Amino acid sequence: RNAFDAELINELSQAFVDVGRARAVVLAG
C-alpha cells in the first residue's frame, strides 16, 4: 500500500532534489 520504509524515504528525497526543467510534478501511488 505504498507504505514508507527507509528505501522509499531516501528515493523520494532524491527524486525531488533536482526536478530539472519540469514545469509540474505529479506525485501518485
mmCIF file of all heavy atoms, coordinates in Angstrom:
data_MODEL
# 
_entry.id   MODEL 
# 
loop_
_atom_site.group_PDB 
_atom_site.id 
_atom_site.type_symbol 
_atom_site.label_atom_id 
_atom_site.label_alt_id 
_atom_site.label_comp_id 
_atom_site.label_asym_id 
_atom_site.label_entity_id 
_atom_site.label_seq_id 
_atom_site.pdbx_PDB_ins_code 
_atom_site.Cartn_x 
_atom_site.Cartn_y 
_atom_site.Cartn_z 
_atom_site.occupancy 
_atom_site.B_iso_or_equiv 
_atom_site.pdbx_formal_charge 
_atom_site.auth_seq_id 
_atom_site.auth_comp_id 
_atom_site.auth_asym_id 
_atom_site.auth_atom_id 
_atom_site.pdbx_PDB_model_num 
ATOM 1   N N   . ARG A 1 1  ? 0.827  -1.211 0.000   1.00 0.00 ? 1  ARG A N   1 
ATOM 2   C CA  . ARG A 1 1  ? 0.000  0.000  0.000   1.00 0.00 ? 1  ARG A CA  1 
ATOM 3   C C   . ARG A 1 1  ? 0.868  1.271  0.000   1.00 0.00 ? 1  ARG A C   1 
ATOM 4   O O   . ARG A 1 1  ? 0.515  2.289  0.557   1.00 0.00 ? 1  ARG A O   1 
ATOM 5   C CB  . ARG A 1 1  ? -0.969 -0.001 1.178   1.00 0.00 ? 1  ARG A CB  1 
ATOM 6   C CG  . ARG A 1 1  ? -2.008 -1.110 1.121   1.00 0.00 ? 1  ARG A CG  1 
ATOM 7   C CD  . ARG A 1 1  ? -3.172 -0.841 2.019   1.00 0.00 ? 1  ARG A CD  1 
ATOM 8   N NE  . ARG A 1 1  ? -2.783 -0.737 3.421   1.00 0.00 ? 1  ARG A NE  1 
ATOM 9   C CZ  . ARG A 1 1  ? -3.526 -0.195 4.375   1.00 0.00 ? 1  ARG A CZ  1 
ATOM 10  N NH1 . ARG A 1 1  ? -4.707 0.310  4.074   1.00 0.00 ? 1  ARG A NH1 1 
ATOM 11  N NH2 . ARG A 1 1  ? -3.100 -0.159 5.607   1.00 0.00 ? 1  ARG A NH2 1 
ATOM 12  N N   . ASN A 1 2  ? 2.027  1.161  -0.657  1.00 0.00 ? 2  ASN A N   1 
ATOM 13  C CA  . ASN A 1 2  ? 2.971  2.278  -0.805  1.00 0.00 ? 2  ASN A CA  1 
ATOM 14  C C   . ASN A 1 2  ? 3.391  2.857  0.543   1.00 0.00 ? 2  ASN A C   1 
ATOM 15  O O   . ASN A 1 2  ? 3.639  4.060  0.680   1.00 0.00 ? 2  ASN A O   1 
ATOM 16  C CB  . ASN A 1 2  ? 2.363  3.371  -1.695  1.00 0.00 ? 2  ASN A CB  1 
ATOM 17  C CG  . ASN A 1 2  ? 2.075  2.865  -3.084  1.00 0.00 ? 2  ASN A CG  1 
ATOM 18  O OD1 . ASN A 1 2  ? 2.906  2.207  -3.705  1.00 0.00 ? 2  ASN A OD1 1 
ATOM 19  N ND2 . ASN A 1 2  ? 0.878  3.133  -3.586  1.00 0.00 ? 2  ASN A ND2 1 
ATOM 20  N N   . ALA A 1 3  ? 3.476  1.997  1.549   1.00 0.00 ? 3  ALA A N   1 
ATOM 21  C CA  . ALA A 1 3  ? 3.870  2.439  2.882   1.00 0.00 ? 3  ALA A CA  1 
ATOM 22  C C   . ALA A 1 3  ? 5.358  2.795  2.908   1.00 0.00 ? 3  ALA A C   1 
ATOM 23  O O   . ALA A 1 3  ? 6.167  2.251  2.157   1.00 0.00 ? 3  ALA A O   1 
ATOM 24  C CB  . ALA A 1 3  ? 3.574  1.342  3.903   1.00 0.00 ? 3  ALA A CB  1 
ATOM 25  N N   . PHE A 1 4  ? 5.697  3.694  3.806   1.00 0.00 ? 4  PHE A N   1 
ATOM 26  C CA  . PHE A 1 4  ? 7.069  4.173  3.916   1.00 0.00 ? 4  PHE A CA  1 
ATOM 27  C C   . PHE A 1 4  ? 7.989  3.157  4.565   1.00 0.00 ? 4  PHE A C   1 
ATOM 28  O O   . PHE A 1 4  ? 7.645  2.521  5.562   1.00 0.00 ? 4  PHE A O   1 
ATOM 29  C CB  . PHE A 1 4  ? 7.127  5.438  4.780   1.00 0.00 ? 4  PHE A CB  1 
ATOM 30  C CG  . PHE A 1 4  ? 6.584  6.661  4.118   1.00 0.00 ? 4  PHE A CG  1 
ATOM 31  C CD1 . PHE A 1 4  ? 5.460  7.293  4.643   1.00 0.00 ? 4  PHE A CD1 1 
ATOM 32  C CD2 . PHE A 1 4  ? 7.182  7.207  2.996   1.00 0.00 ? 4  PHE A CD2 1 
ATOM 33  C CE1 . PHE A 1 4  ? 4.951  8.436  4.052   1.00 0.00 ? 4  PHE A CE1 1 
ATOM 34  C CE2 . PHE A 1 4  ? 6.678  8.337  2.395   1.00 0.00 ? 4  PHE A CE2 1 
ATOM 35  C CZ  . PHE A 1 4  ? 5.557  8.955  2.926   1.00 0.00 ? 4  PHE A CZ  1 
ATOM 36  N N   . ASP A 1 5  ? 9.173  3.039  3.998   1.00 0.00 ? 5  ASP A N   1 
ATOM 37  C CA  . ASP A 1 5  ? 10.303 2.428  4.686   1.00 0.00 ? 5  ASP A CA  1 
ATOM 38  C C   . ASP A 1 5  ? 11.518 3.277  4.358   1.00 0.00 ? 5  ASP A C   1 
ATOM 39  O O   . ASP A 1 5  ? 11.414 4.302  3.663   1.00 0.00 ? 5  ASP A O   1 
ATOM 40  C CB  . ASP A 1 5  ? 10.499 0.958  4.290   1.00 0.00 ? 5  ASP A CB  1 
ATOM 41  C CG  . ASP A 1 5  ? 10.824 0.767  2.805   1.00 0.00 ? 5  ASP A CG  1 
ATOM 42  O OD1 . ASP A 1 5  ? 10.971 1.768  2.062   1.00 0.00 ? 5  ASP A OD1 1 
ATOM 43  O OD2 . ASP A 1 5  ? 10.941 -0.406 2.380   1.00 0.00 ? 5  ASP A OD2 1 
ATOM 44  N N   . ALA A 1 6  ? 12.678 2.912  4.875   1.00 0.00 ? 6  ALA A N   1 
ATOM 45  C CA  . ALA A 1 6  ? 13.867 3.741  4.695   1.00 0.00 ? 6  ALA A CA  1 
ATOM 46  C C   . ALA A 1 6  ? 14.210 3.932  3.224   1.00 0.00 ? 6  ALA A C   1 
ATOM 47  O O   . ALA A 1 6  ? 14.621 5.016  2.797   1.00 0.00 ? 6  ALA A O   1 
ATOM 48  C CB  . ALA A 1 6  ? 15.050 3.121  5.434   1.00 0.00 ? 6  ALA A CB  1 
ATOM 49  N N   . GLU A 1 7  ? 14.031 2.871  2.418   1.00 0.00 ? 7  GLU A N   1 
ATOM 50  C CA  . GLU A 1 7  ? 14.354 2.951  0.989   1.00 0.00 ? 7  GLU A CA  1 
ATOM 51  C C   . GLU A 1 7  ? 13.452 3.950  0.273   1.00 0.00 ? 7  GLU A C   1 
ATOM 52  O O   . GLU A 1 7  ? 13.926 4.786  -0.506  1.00 0.00 ? 7  GLU A O   1 
ATOM 53  C CB  . GLU A 1 7  ? 14.230 1.578  0.341   1.00 0.00 ? 7  GLU A CB  1 
ATOM 54  C CG  . GLU A 1 7  ? 14.549 1.572  -1.156  1.00 0.00 ? 7  GLU A CG  1 
ATOM 55  C CD  . GLU A 1 7  ? 14.310 0.218  -1.802  1.00 0.00 ? 7  GLU A CD  1 
ATOM 56  O OE1 . GLU A 1 7  ? 13.841 -0.701 -1.113  1.00 0.00 ? 7  GLU A OE1 1 
ATOM 57  O OE2 . GLU A 1 7  ? 14.579 0.102  -3.015  1.00 0.00 ? 7  GLU A OE2 1 
ATOM 58  N N   . LEU A 1 8  ? 12.149 3.864  0.524   1.00 0.00 ? 8  LEU A N   1 
ATOM 59  C CA  . LEU A 1 8  ? 11.219 4.768  -0.148  1.00 0.00 ? 8  LEU A CA  1 
ATOM 60  C C   . LEU A 1 8  ? 11.461 6.214  0.263   1.00 0.00 ? 8  LEU A C   1 
ATOM 61  O O   . LEU A 1 8  ? 11.417 7.130  -0.571  1.00 0.00 ? 8  LEU A O   1 
ATOM 62  C CB  . LEU A 1 8  ? 9.778  4.369  0.165   1.00 0.00 ? 8  LEU A CB  1 
ATOM 63  C CG  . LEU A 1 8  ? 8.678  5.230  -0.469  1.00 0.00 ? 8  LEU A CG  1 
ATOM 64  C CD1 . LEU A 1 8  ? 8.833  5.289  -1.987  1.00 0.00 ? 8  LEU A CD1 1 
ATOM 65  C CD2 . LEU A 1 8  ? 7.296  4.709  -0.088  1.00 0.00 ? 8  LEU A CD2 1 
ATOM 66  N N   . ILE A 1 9  ? 11.732 6.439  1.530   1.00 0.00 ? 9  ILE A N   1 
ATOM 67  C CA  . ILE A 1 9  ? 12.016 7.797  2.011   1.00 0.00 ? 9  ILE A CA  1 
ATOM 68  C C   . ILE A 1 9  ? 13.244 8.361  1.312   1.00 0.00 ? 9  ILE A C   1 
ATOM 69  O O   . ILE A 1 9  ? 13.239 9.508  0.844   1.00 0.00 ? 9  ILE A O   1 
ATOM 70  C CB  . ILE A 1 9  ? 12.214 7.788  3.541   1.00 0.00 ? 9  ILE A CB  1 
ATOM 71  C CG1 . ILE A 1 9  ? 10.877 7.518  4.234   1.00 0.00 ? 9  ILE A CG1 1 
ATOM 72  C CG2 . ILE A 1 9  ? 12.822 9.098  4.033   1.00 0.00 ? 9  ILE A CG2 1 
ATOM 73  C CD1 . ILE A 1 9  ? 11.002 7.234  5.716   1.00 0.00 ? 9  ILE A CD1 1 
ATOM 74  N N   . ASN A 1 10 ? 14.293 7.560  1.209   1.00 0.00 ? 10 ASN A N   1 
ATOM 75  C CA  . ASN A 1 10 ? 15.521 8.016  0.549   1.00 0.00 ? 10 ASN A CA  1 
ATOM 76  C C   . ASN A 1 10 ? 15.283 8.293  -0.935  1.00 0.00 ? 10 ASN A C   1 
ATOM 77  O O   . ASN A 1 10 ? 15.735 9.324  -1.461  1.00 0.00 ? 10 ASN A O   1 
ATOM 78  C CB  . ASN A 1 10 ? 16.615 6.959  0.713   1.00 0.00 ? 10 ASN A CB  1 
ATOM 79  C CG  . ASN A 1 10 ? 17.897 7.353  0.021   1.00 0.00 ? 10 ASN A CG  1 
ATOM 80  O OD1 . ASN A 1 10 ? 18.542 8.342  0.364   1.00 0.00 ? 10 ASN A OD1 1 
ATOM 81  N ND2 . ASN A 1 10 ? 18.288 6.575  -0.976  1.00 0.00 ? 10 ASN A ND2 1 
ATOM 82  N N   . GLU A 1 11 ? 14.552 7.415  -1.609  1.00 0.00 ? 11 GLU A N   1 
ATOM 83  C CA  . GLU A 1 11 ? 14.320 7.600  -3.041  1.00 0.00 ? 11 GLU A CA  1 
ATOM 84  C C   . GLU A 1 11 ? 13.448 8.814  -3.318  1.00 0.00 ? 11 GLU A C   1 
ATOM 85  O O   . GLU A 1 11 ? 13.674 9.552  -4.292  1.00 0.00 ? 11 GLU A O   1 
ATOM 86  C CB  . GLU A 1 11 ? 13.698 6.342  -3.639  1.00 0.00 ? 11 GLU A CB  1 
ATOM 87  C CG  . GLU A 1 11 ? 14.664 5.162  -3.707  1.00 0.00 ? 11 GLU A CG  1 
ATOM 88  C CD  . GLU A 1 11 ? 14.115 3.992  -4.524  1.00 0.00 ? 11 GLU A CD  1 
ATOM 89  O OE1 . GLU A 1 11 ? 13.191 4.214  -5.333  1.00 0.00 ? 11 GLU A OE1 1 
ATOM 90  O OE2 . GLU A 1 11 ? 14.620 2.881  -4.356  1.00 0.00 ? 11 GLU A OE2 1 
ATOM 91  N N   . LEU A 1 12 ? 12.446 9.056  -2.469  1.00 0.00 ? 12 LEU A N   1 
ATOM 92  C CA  . LEU A 1 12 ? 11.617 10.248 -2.639  1.00 0.00 ? 12 LEU A CA  1 
ATOM 93  C C   . LEU A 1 12 ? 12.440 11.511 -2.456  1.00 0.00 ? 12 LEU A C   1 
ATOM 94  O O   . LEU A 1 12 ? 12.293 12.479 -3.213  1.00 0.00 ? 12 LEU A O   1 
ATOM 95  C CB  . LEU A 1 12 ? 10.459 10.230 -1.643  1.00 0.00 ? 12 LEU A CB  1 
ATOM 96  C CG  . LEU A 1 12 ? 9.133  9.639  -2.114  1.00 0.00 ? 12 LEU A CG  1 
ATOM 97  C CD1 . LEU A 1 12 ? 8.153  9.553  -0.953  1.00 0.00 ? 12 LEU A CD1 1 
ATOM 98  C CD2 . LEU A 1 12 ? 8.534  10.445 -3.255  1.00 0.00 ? 12 LEU A CD2 1 
ATOM 99  N N   . SER A 1 13 ? 13.293 11.504 -1.457  1.00 0.00 ? 13 SER A N   1 
ATOM 100 C CA  . SER A 1 13 ? 14.152 12.673 -1.220  1.00 0.00 ? 13 SER A CA  1 
ATOM 101 C C   . SER A 1 13 ? 15.014 12.962 -2.435  1.00 0.00 ? 13 SER A C   1 
ATOM 102 O O   . SER A 1 13 ? 15.120 14.110 -2.886  1.00 0.00 ? 13 SER A O   1 
ATOM 103 C CB  . SER A 1 13 ? 15.043 12.441 0.011   1.00 0.00 ? 13 SER A CB  1 
ATOM 104 O OG  . SER A 1 13 ? 14.267 12.323 1.186   1.00 0.00 ? 13 SER A OG  1 
ATOM 105 N N   . GLN A 1 14 ? 15.621 11.930 -2.994  1.00 0.00 ? 14 GLN A N   1 
ATOM 106 C CA  . GLN A 1 14 ? 16.492 12.096 -4.149  1.00 0.00 ? 14 GLN A CA  1 
ATOM 107 C C   . GLN A 1 14 ? 15.709 12.573 -5.369  1.00 0.00 ? 14 GLN A C   1 
ATOM 108 O O   . GLN A 1 14 ? 16.188 13.413 -6.146  1.00 0.00 ? 14 GLN A O   1 
ATOM 109 C CB  . GLN A 1 14 ? 17.208 10.775 -4.457  1.00 0.00 ? 14 GLN A CB  1 
ATOM 110 C CG  . GLN A 1 14 ? 18.210 10.342 -3.405  1.00 0.00 ? 14 GLN A CG  1 
ATOM 111 C CD  . GLN A 1 14 ? 19.317 11.353 -3.209  1.00 0.00 ? 14 GLN A CD  1 
ATOM 112 O OE1 . GLN A 1 14 ? 19.859 11.905 -4.172  1.00 0.00 ? 14 GLN A OE1 1 
ATOM 113 N NE2 . GLN A 1 14 ? 19.659 11.623 -1.963  1.00 0.00 ? 14 GLN A NE2 1 
ATOM 114 N N   . ALA A 1 15 ? 14.503 12.052 -5.555  1.00 0.00 ? 15 ALA A N   1 
ATOM 115 C CA  . ALA A 1 15 ? 13.713 12.403 -6.735  1.00 0.00 ? 15 ALA A CA  1 
ATOM 116 C C   . ALA A 1 15 ? 13.331 13.873 -6.757  1.00 0.00 ? 15 ALA A C   1 
ATOM 117 O O   . ALA A 1 15 ? 13.199 14.477 -7.832  1.00 0.00 ? 15 ALA A O   1 
ATOM 118 C CB  . ALA A 1 15 ? 12.461 11.528 -6.795  1.00 0.00 ? 15 ALA A CB  1 
ATOM 119 N N   . PHE A 1 16 ? 13.142 14.461 -5.571  1.00 0.00 ? 16 PHE A N   1 
ATOM 120 C CA  . PHE A 1 16 ? 12.718 15.853 -5.509  1.00 0.00 ? 16 PHE A CA  1 
ATOM 121 C C   . PHE A 1 16 ? 13.880 16.833 -5.337  1.00 0.00 ? 16 PHE A C   1 
ATOM 122 O O   . PHE A 1 16 ? 13.664 18.043 -5.319  1.00 0.00 ? 16 PHE A O   1 
ATOM 123 C CB  . PHE A 1 16 ? 11.710 16.054 -4.376  1.00 0.00 ? 16 PHE A CB  1 
ATOM 124 C CG  . PHE A 1 16 ? 10.306 15.683 -4.753  1.00 0.00 ? 16 PHE A CG  1 
ATOM 125 C CD1 . PHE A 1 16 ? 9.840  14.395 -4.551  1.00 0.00 ? 16 PHE A CD1 1 
ATOM 126 C CD2 . PHE A 1 16 ? 9.456  16.624 -5.319  1.00 0.00 ? 16 PHE A CD2 1 
ATOM 127 C CE1 . PHE A 1 16 ? 8.541  14.046 -4.906  1.00 0.00 ? 16 PHE A CE1 1 
ATOM 128 C CE2 . PHE A 1 16 ? 8.159  16.294 -5.679  1.00 0.00 ? 16 PHE A CE2 1 
ATOM 129 C CZ  . PHE A 1 16 ? 7.699  14.994 -5.466  1.00 0.00 ? 16 PHE A CZ  1 
ATOM 130 N N   . VAL A 1 17 ? 15.102 16.332 -5.209  1.00 0.00 ? 17 VAL A N   1 
ATOM 131 C CA  . VAL A 1 17 ? 16.254 17.230 -5.068  1.00 0.00 ? 17 VAL A CA  1 
ATOM 132 C C   . VAL A 1 17 ? 16.443 18.072 -6.317  1.00 0.00 ? 17 VAL A C   1 
ATOM 133 O O   . VAL A 1 17 ? 16.698 19.279 -6.262  1.00 0.00 ? 17 VAL A O   1 
ATOM 134 C CB  . VAL A 1 17 ? 17.530 16.424 -4.748  1.00 0.00 ? 17 VAL A CB  1 
ATOM 135 C CG1 . VAL A 1 17 ? 18.782 17.275 -4.977  1.00 0.00 ? 17 VAL A CG1 1 
ATOM 136 C CG2 . VAL A 1 17 ? 17.509 15.938 -3.315  1.00 0.00 ? 17 VAL A CG2 1 
ATOM 137 N N   . ASP A 1 18 ? 16.326 17.434 -7.473  1.00 0.00 ? 18 ASP A N   1 
ATOM 138 C CA  . ASP A 1 18 ? 16.530 18.151 -8.734  1.00 0.00 ? 18 ASP A CA  1 
ATOM 139 C C   . ASP A 1 18 ? 15.473 17.694 -9.733  1.00 0.00 ? 18 ASP A C   1 
ATOM 140 O O   . ASP A 1 18 ? 15.559 16.594 -10.284 1.00 0.00 ? 18 ASP A O   1 
ATOM 141 C CB  . ASP A 1 18 ? 17.936 17.894 -9.278  1.00 0.00 ? 18 ASP A CB  1 
ATOM 142 C CG  . ASP A 1 18 ? 18.200 18.656 -10.565 1.00 0.00 ? 18 ASP A CG  1 
ATOM 143 O OD1 . ASP A 1 18 ? 17.368 19.528 -10.922 1.00 0.00 ? 18 ASP A OD1 1 
ATOM 144 O OD2 . ASP A 1 18 ? 19.226 18.381 -11.220 1.00 0.00 ? 18 ASP A OD2 1 
ATOM 145 N N   . VAL A 1 19 ? 14.481 18.517 -9.945  1.00 0.00 ? 19 VAL A N   1 
ATOM 146 C CA  . VAL A 1 19 ? 13.415 18.149 -10.890 1.00 0.00 ? 19 VAL A CA  1 
ATOM 147 C C   . VAL A 1 19 ? 13.697 18.693 -12.285 1.00 0.00 ? 19 VAL A C   1 
ATOM 148 O O   . VAL A 1 19 ? 12.848 18.608 -13.178 1.00 0.00 ? 19 VAL A O   1 
ATOM 149 C CB  . VAL A 1 19 ? 12.044 18.648 -10.394 1.00 0.00 ? 19 VAL A CB  1 
ATOM 150 C CG1 . VAL A 1 19 ? 11.696 17.983 -9.069  1.00 0.00 ? 19 VAL A CG1 1 
ATOM 151 C CG2 . VAL A 1 19 ? 12.011 20.163 -10.264 1.00 0.00 ? 19 VAL A CG2 1 
ATOM 152 N N   . GLY A 1 20 ? 14.889 19.261 -12.465 1.00 0.00 ? 20 GLY A N   1 
ATOM 153 C CA  . GLY A 1 20 ? 15.266 19.745 -13.784 1.00 0.00 ? 20 GLY A CA  1 
ATOM 154 C C   . GLY A 1 20 ? 14.375 20.875 -14.272 1.00 0.00 ? 20 GLY A C   1 
ATOM 155 O O   . GLY A 1 20 ? 14.018 21.775 -13.530 1.00 0.00 ? 20 GLY A O   1 
ATOM 156 N N   . ARG A 1 21 ? 13.965 20.785 -15.531 1.00 0.00 ? 21 ARG A N   1 
ATOM 157 C CA  . ARG A 1 21 ? 13.140 21.829 -16.137 1.00 0.00 ? 21 ARG A CA  1 
ATOM 158 C C   . ARG A 1 21 ? 11.644 21.530 -16.051 1.00 0.00 ? 21 ARG A C   1 
ATOM 159 O O   . ARG A 1 21 ? 10.846 22.154 -16.760 1.00 0.00 ? 21 ARG A O   1 
ATOM 160 C CB  . ARG A 1 21 ? 13.551 22.025 -17.607 1.00 0.00 ? 21 ARG A CB  1 
ATOM 161 C CG  . ARG A 1 21 ? 14.958 22.604 -17.776 1.00 0.00 ? 21 ARG A CG  1 
ATOM 162 C CD  . ARG A 1 21 ? 15.299 22.749 -19.249 1.00 0.00 ? 21 ARG A CD  1 
ATOM 163 N NE  . ARG A 1 21 ? 16.554 23.457 -19.441 1.00 0.00 ? 21 ARG A NE  1 
ATOM 164 C CZ  . ARG A 1 21 ? 16.681 24.771 -19.526 1.00 0.00 ? 21 ARG A CZ  1 
ATOM 165 N NH1 . ARG A 1 21 ? 15.592 25.533 -19.453 1.00 0.00 ? 21 ARG A NH1 1 
ATOM 166 N NH2 . ARG A 1 21 ? 17.845 25.348 -19.697 1.00 0.00 ? 21 ARG A NH2 1 
ATOM 167 N N   . ALA A 1 22 ? 11.292 20.590 -15.206 1.00 0.00 ? 22 ALA A N   1 
ATOM 168 C CA  . ALA A 1 22 ? 9.876  20.232 -15.080 1.00 0.00 ? 22 ALA A CA  1 
ATOM 169 C C   . ALA A 1 22 ? 9.044  21.447 -14.687 1.00 0.00 ? 22 ALA A C   1 
ATOM 170 O O   . ALA A 1 22 ? 9.410  22.215 -13.806 1.00 0.00 ? 22 ALA A O   1 
ATOM 171 C CB  . ALA A 1 22 ? 9.706  19.134 -14.038 1.00 0.00 ? 22 ALA A CB  1 
ATOM 172 N N   . ARG A 1 23 ? 7.918  21.623 -15.346 1.00 0.00 ? 23 ARG A N   1 
ATOM 173 C CA  . ARG A 1 23 ? 7.011  22.725 -15.020 1.00 0.00 ? 23 ARG A CA  1 
ATOM 174 C C   . ARG A 1 23 ? 5.970  22.314 -13.994 1.00 0.00 ? 23 ARG A C   1 
ATOM 175 O O   . ARG A 1 23 ? 5.292  23.159 -13.419 1.00 0.00 ? 23 ARG A O   1 
ATOM 176 C CB  . ARG A 1 23 ? 6.348  23.226 -16.290 1.00 0.00 ? 23 ARG A CB  1 
ATOM 177 C CG  . ARG A 1 23 ? 7.348  23.765 -17.317 1.00 0.00 ? 23 ARG A CG  1 
ATOM 178 C CD  . ARG A 1 23 ? 6.661  24.406 -18.492 1.00 0.00 ? 23 ARG A CD  1 
ATOM 179 N NE  . ARG A 1 23 ? 5.911  25.607 -18.106 1.00 0.00 ? 23 ARG A NE  1 
ATOM 180 C CZ  . ARG A 1 23 ? 5.259  26.390 -18.968 1.00 0.00 ? 23 ARG A CZ  1 
ATOM 181 N NH1 . ARG A 1 23 ? 5.281  26.089 -20.260 1.00 0.00 ? 23 ARG A NH1 1 
ATOM 182 N NH2 . ARG A 1 23 ? 4.605  27.448 -18.557 1.00 0.00 ? 23 ARG A NH2 1 
ATOM 183 N N   . ALA A 1 24 ? 5.857  20.999 -13.781 1.00 0.00 ? 24 ALA A N   1 
ATOM 184 C CA  . ALA A 1 24 ? 4.958  20.480 -12.758 1.00 0.00 ? 24 ALA A CA  1 
ATOM 185 C C   . ALA A 1 24 ? 5.384  19.056 -12.428 1.00 0.00 ? 24 ALA A C   1 
ATOM 186 O O   . ALA A 1 24 ? 5.961  18.344 -13.263 1.00 0.00 ? 24 ALA A O   1 
ATOM 187 C CB  . ALA A 1 24 ? 3.509  20.505 -13.226 1.00 0.00 ? 24 ALA A CB  1 
ATOM 188 N N   . VAL A 1 25 ? 5.105  18.645 -11.194 1.00 0.00 ? 25 VAL A N   1 
ATOM 189 C CA  . VAL A 1 25 ? 5.405  17.288 -10.741 1.00 0.00 ? 25 VAL A CA  1 
ATOM 190 C C   . VAL A 1 25 ? 4.107  16.646 -10.269 1.00 0.00 ? 25 VAL A C   1 
ATOM 191 O O   . VAL A 1 25 ? 3.387  17.228 -9.450  1.00 0.00 ? 25 VAL A O   1 
ATOM 192 C CB  . VAL A 1 25 ? 6.427  17.282 -9.586  1.00 0.00 ? 25 VAL A CB  1 
ATOM 193 C CG1 . VAL A 1 25 ? 6.708  15.847 -9.146  1.00 0.00 ? 25 VAL A CG1 1 
ATOM 194 C CG2 . VAL A 1 25 ? 7.717  17.986 -9.990  1.00 0.00 ? 25 VAL A CG2 1 
ATOM 195 N N   . VAL A 1 26 ? 3.790  15.470 -10.802 1.00 0.00 ? 26 VAL A N   1 
ATOM 196 C CA  . VAL A 1 26 ? 2.625  14.718 -10.356 1.00 0.00 ? 26 VAL A CA  1 
ATOM 197 C C   . VAL A 1 26 ? 3.108  13.609 -9.436  1.00 0.00 ? 26 VAL A C   1 
ATOM 198 O O   . VAL A 1 26 ? 3.903  12.750 -9.828  1.00 0.00 ? 26 VAL A O   1 
ATOM 199 C CB  . VAL A 1 26 ? 1.838  14.121 -11.540 1.00 0.00 ? 26 VAL A CB  1 
ATOM 200 C CG1 . VAL A 1 26 ? 0.710  13.223 -11.018 1.00 0.00 ? 26 VAL A CG1 1 
ATOM 201 C CG2 . VAL A 1 26 ? 1.275  15.228 -12.416 1.00 0.00 ? 26 VAL A CG2 1 
ATOM 202 N N   . LEU A 1 27 ? 2.645  13.637 -8.196  1.00 0.00 ? 27 LEU A N   1 
ATOM 203 C CA  . LEU A 1 27 ? 3.008  12.634 -7.201  1.00 0.00 ? 27 LEU A CA  1 
ATOM 204 C C   . LEU A 1 27 ? 1.819  11.694 -7.017  1.00 0.00 ? 27 LEU A C   1 
ATOM 205 O O   . LEU A 1 27 ? 0.725  12.129 -6.663  1.00 0.00 ? 27 LEU A O   1 
ATOM 206 C CB  . LEU A 1 27 ? 3.364  13.310 -5.879  1.00 0.00 ? 27 LEU A CB  1 
ATOM 207 C CG  . LEU A 1 27 ? 3.721  12.396 -4.704  1.00 0.00 ? 27 LEU A CG  1 
ATOM 208 C CD1 . LEU A 1 27 ? 4.948  11.553 -5.026  1.00 0.00 ? 27 LEU A CD1 1 
ATOM 209 C CD2 . LEU A 1 27 ? 3.966  13.231 -3.448  1.00 0.00 ? 27 LEU A CD2 1 
ATOM 210 N N   . ALA A 1 28 ? 2.036  10.413 -7.270  1.00 0.00 ? 28 ALA A N   1 
ATOM 211 C CA  . ALA A 1 28 ? 0.941  9.443  -7.225  1.00 0.00 ? 28 ALA A CA  1 
ATOM 212 C C   . ALA A 1 28 ? 1.403  8.168  -6.543  1.00 0.00 ? 28 ALA A C   1 
ATOM 213 O O   . ALA A 1 28 ? 2.593  7.982  -6.247  1.00 0.00 ? 28 ALA A O   1 
ATOM 214 C CB  . ALA A 1 28 ? 0.457  9.140  -8.647  1.00 0.00 ? 28 ALA A CB  1 
ATOM 215 N N   . GLY A 1 29 ? 0.446  7.294  -6.279  1.00 0.00 ? 29 GLY A N   1 
ATOM 216 C CA  . GLY A 1 29 ? 0.743  5.991  -5.696  1.00 0.00 ? 29 GLY A CA  1 
ATOM 217 C C   . GLY A 1 29 ? 0.130  4.897  -6.542  1.00 0.00 ? 29 GLY A C   1 
ATOM 218 O O   . GLY A 1 29 ? -1.027 4.993  -6.953  1.00 0.00 ? 29 GLY A O   1 
# 
